[in-house]
Amino acid sequence: DTLRWVLIAIALIGIAVTIHARLDDWKRGQR
């Protein structure tokens, strides 16, 4: 079970980083 939660945490962090990077690029594109 622990390994499963670790994998889920890594996946969520990866998604969060990807979304943050996209938002940052989107904000730069608008300016």
PDB file of N, CA and C in Angstrom:
ATOM      1  N   ASP A   1       0.841  -1.207   0.000  1.00  0.00           N
ATOM      2  CA  ASP A   1       0.000   0.000   0.000  1.00  0.00           C
ATOM      3  C   ASP A   1       0.876   1.257   0.000  1.00  0.00           C
ATOM      4  N   THR A   2       1.955   1.224   0.780  1.00  0.00           N
ATOM      5  CA  THR A   2       2.820   2.407   0.863  1.00  0.00           C
ATOM      6  C   THR A   2       3.374   2.768  -0.507  1.00  0.00           C
ATOM      7  N   LEU A   3       3.843   1.758  -1.233  1.00  0.00           N
ATOM      8  CA  LEU A   3       4.418   2.013  -2.560  1.00  0.00           C
ATOM      9  C   LEU A   3       3.380   2.648  -3.473  1.00  0.00           C
ATOM     10  N   ARG A   4       2.131   2.170  -3.358  1.00  0.00           N
ATOM     11  CA  ARG A   4       1.056   2.730  -4.194  1.00  0.00           C
ATOM     12  C   ARG A   4       0.879   4.215  -3.905  1.00  0.00           C
ATOM     13  N   TRP A   5       0.851   4.581  -2.617  1.00  0.00           N
ATOM     14  CA  TRP A   5       0.674   5.994  -2.257  1.00  0.00           C
ATOM     15  C   TRP A   5       1.853   6.832  -2.737  1.00  0.00           C
ATOM     16  N   VAL A   6       3.047   6.258  -2.694  1.00  0.00           N
ATOM     17  CA  VAL A   6       4.238   6.994  -3.157  1.00  0.00           C
ATOM     18  C   VAL A   6       4.118   7.274  -4.648  1.00  0.00           C
ATOM     19  N   LEU A   7       3.691   6.271  -5.412  1.00  0.00           N
ATOM     20  CA  LEU A   7       3.541   6.456  -6.864  1.00  0.00           C
ATOM     21  C   LEU A   7       2.475   7.502  -7.157  1.00  0.00           C
ATOM     22  N   ILE A   8       1.373   7.460  -6.392  1.00  0.00           N
ATOM     23  CA  ILE A   8       0.297   8.447  -6.590  1.00  0.00           C
ATOM     24  C   ILE A   8       0.817   9.848  -6.286  1.00  0.00           C
ATOM     25  N   ALA A   9       1.594   9.983  -5.216  1.00  0.00           N
ATOM     26  CA  ALA A   9       2.139  11.290  -4.841  1.00  0.00           C
ATOM     27  C   ALA A   9       3.049  11.819  -5.948  1.00  0.00           C
ATOM     28  N   ILE A  10       3.906  10.951  -6.486  1.00  0.00           N
ATOM     29  CA  ILE A  10       4.817  11.376  -7.560  1.00  0.00           C
ATOM     30  C   ILE A  10       4.018  11.817  -8.785  1.00  0.00           C
ATOM     31  N   ALA A  11       2.966  11.061  -9.102  1.00  0.00           N
ATOM     32  CA  ALA A  11       2.141  11.397 -10.270  1.00  0.00           C
ATOM     33  C   ALA A  11       1.473  12.753 -10.068  1.00  0.00           C
ATOM     34  N   LEU A  12       0.914  12.980  -8.877  1.00  0.00           N
ATOM     35  CA  LEU A  12       0.241  14.256  -8.605  1.00  0.00           C
ATOM     36  C   LEU A  12       1.231  15.413  -8.674  1.00  0.00           C
ATOM     37  N   ILE A  13       2.420  15.216  -8.132  1.00  0.00           N
ATOM     38  CA  ILE A  13       3.435  16.278  -8.166  1.00  0.00           C
ATOM     39  C   ILE A  13       3.820  16.581  -9.610  1.00  0.00           C
ATOM     40  N   GLY A  14       3.986  15.523 -10.410  1.00  0.00           N
ATOM     41  CA  GLY A  14       4.348  15.719 -11.818  1.00  0.00           C
ATOM     42  C   GLY A  14       3.276  16.494 -12.556  1.00  0.00           C
ATOM     43  N   ILE A  15       2.002  16.154 -12.288  1.00  0.00           N
ATOM     44  CA  ILE A  15       0.897  16.862 -12.945  1.00  0.00           C
ATOM     45  C   ILE A  15       0.882  18.322 -12.501  1.00  0.00           C
ATOM     46  N   ALA A  16       1.079  18.560 -11.205  1.00  0.00           N
ATOM     47  CA  ALA A  16       1.069  19.929 -10.678  1.00  0.00           C
ATOM     48  C   ALA A  16       2.172  20.758 -11.324  1.00  0.00           C
ATOM     49  N   VAL A  17       3.357  20.172 -11.451  1.00  0.00           N
ATOM     50  CA  VAL A  17       4.481  20.898 -12.065  1.00  0.00           C
ATOM     51  C   VAL A  17       4.170  21.213 -13.526  1.00  0.00           C
ATOM     52  N   THR A  18       3.581  20.246 -14.230  1.00  0.00           N
ATOM     53  CA  THR A  18       3.245  20.456 -15.645  1.00  0.00           C
ATOM     54  C   THR A  18       2.225  21.577 -15.798  1.00  0.00           C
ATOM     55  N   ILE A  19       1.180  21.554 -14.956  1.00  0.00           N
ATOM     56  CA  ILE A  19       0.151  22.604 -15.025  1.00  0.00           C
ATOM     57  C   ILE A  19       0.768  23.961 -14.699  1.00  0.00           C
ATOM     58  N   HIS A  20       1.610  24.017 -13.673  1.00  0.00           N
ATOM     59  CA  HIS A  20       2.247  25.279 -13.281  1.00  0.00           C
ATOM     60  C   HIS A  20       3.095  25.820 -14.430  1.00  0.00           C
ATOM     61  N   ALA A  21       3.836  24.931 -15.088  1.00  0.00           N
ATOM     62  CA  ALA A  21       4.688  25.359 -16.202  1.00  0.00           C
ATOM     63  C   ALA A  21       3.825  25.881 -17.347  1.00  0.00           C
ATOM     64  N   ARG A  22       2.718  25.211 -17.630  1.00  0.00           N
ATOM     65  CA  ARG A  22       1.835  25.654 -18.720  1.00  0.00           C
ATOM     66  C   ARG A  22       1.233  27.012 -18.395  1.00  0.00           C
ATOM     67  N   LEU A  23       0.797  27.202 -17.140  1.00  0.00           N
ATOM     68  CA  LEU A  23       0.215  28.487 -16.747  1.00  0.00           C
ATOM     69  C   LEU A  23       1.260  29.587 -16.858  1.00  0.00           C
ATOM     70  N   ASP A  24       2.501  29.283 -16.474  1.00  0.00           N
ATOM     71  CA  ASP A  24       3.566  30.285 -16.544  1.00  0.00           C
ATOM     72  C   ASP A  24       3.802  30.685 -17.998  1.00  0.00           C
ATOM     73  N   ASP A  25       3.860  29.701 -18.890  1.00  0.00           N
ATOM     74  CA  ASP A  25       4.068  30.002 -20.313  1.00  0.00           C
ATOM     75  C   ASP A  25       2.873  30.774 -20.859  1.00  0.00           C
ATOM     76  N   TRP A  26       1.636  30.411 -20.405  1.00  0.00           N
ATOM     77  CA  TRP A  26       0.435  31.078 -20.890  1.00  0.00           C
ATOM     78  C   TRP A  26       0.444  32.552 -20.458  1.00  0.00           C
ATOM     79  N   LYS A  27       0.848  32.805 -19.222  1.00  0.00           N
ATOM     80  CA  LYS A  27       0.913  34.191 -18.743  1.00  0.00           C
ATOM     81  C   LYS A  27       1.952  34.974 -19.544  1.00  0.00           C
ATOM     82  N   ARG A  28       3.093  34.350 -19.843  1.00  0.00           N
ATOM     83  CA  ARG A  28       4.131  35.029 -20.625  1.00  0.00           C
ATOM     84  C   ARG A  28       3.618  35.309 -22.031  1.00  0.00           C
ATOM     85  N   GLY A  29       2.831  34.392 -22.583  1.00  0.00           N
ATOM     86  CA  GLY A  29       2.312  34.552 -23.940  1.00  0.00           C
ATOM     87  C   GLY A  29       1.330  35.709 -24.031  1.00  0.00           C
ATOM     88  N   GLN A  30       0.530  35.911 -22.991  1.00  0.00           N
ATOM     89  CA  GLN A  30      -0.453  36.997 -23.027  1.00  0.00           C
ATOM     90  C   GLN A  30       0.227  38.359 -22.958  1.00  0.00           C
ATOM     91  N   ARG A  31       1.318  38.459 -22.191  1.00  0.00           N
ATOM     92  CA  ARG A  31       1.947  39.771 -22.015  1.00  0.00           C
ATOM     93  C   ARG A  31       2.611  40.262 -23.261  1.00  0.00           C
TER      94      ARG A  31
END
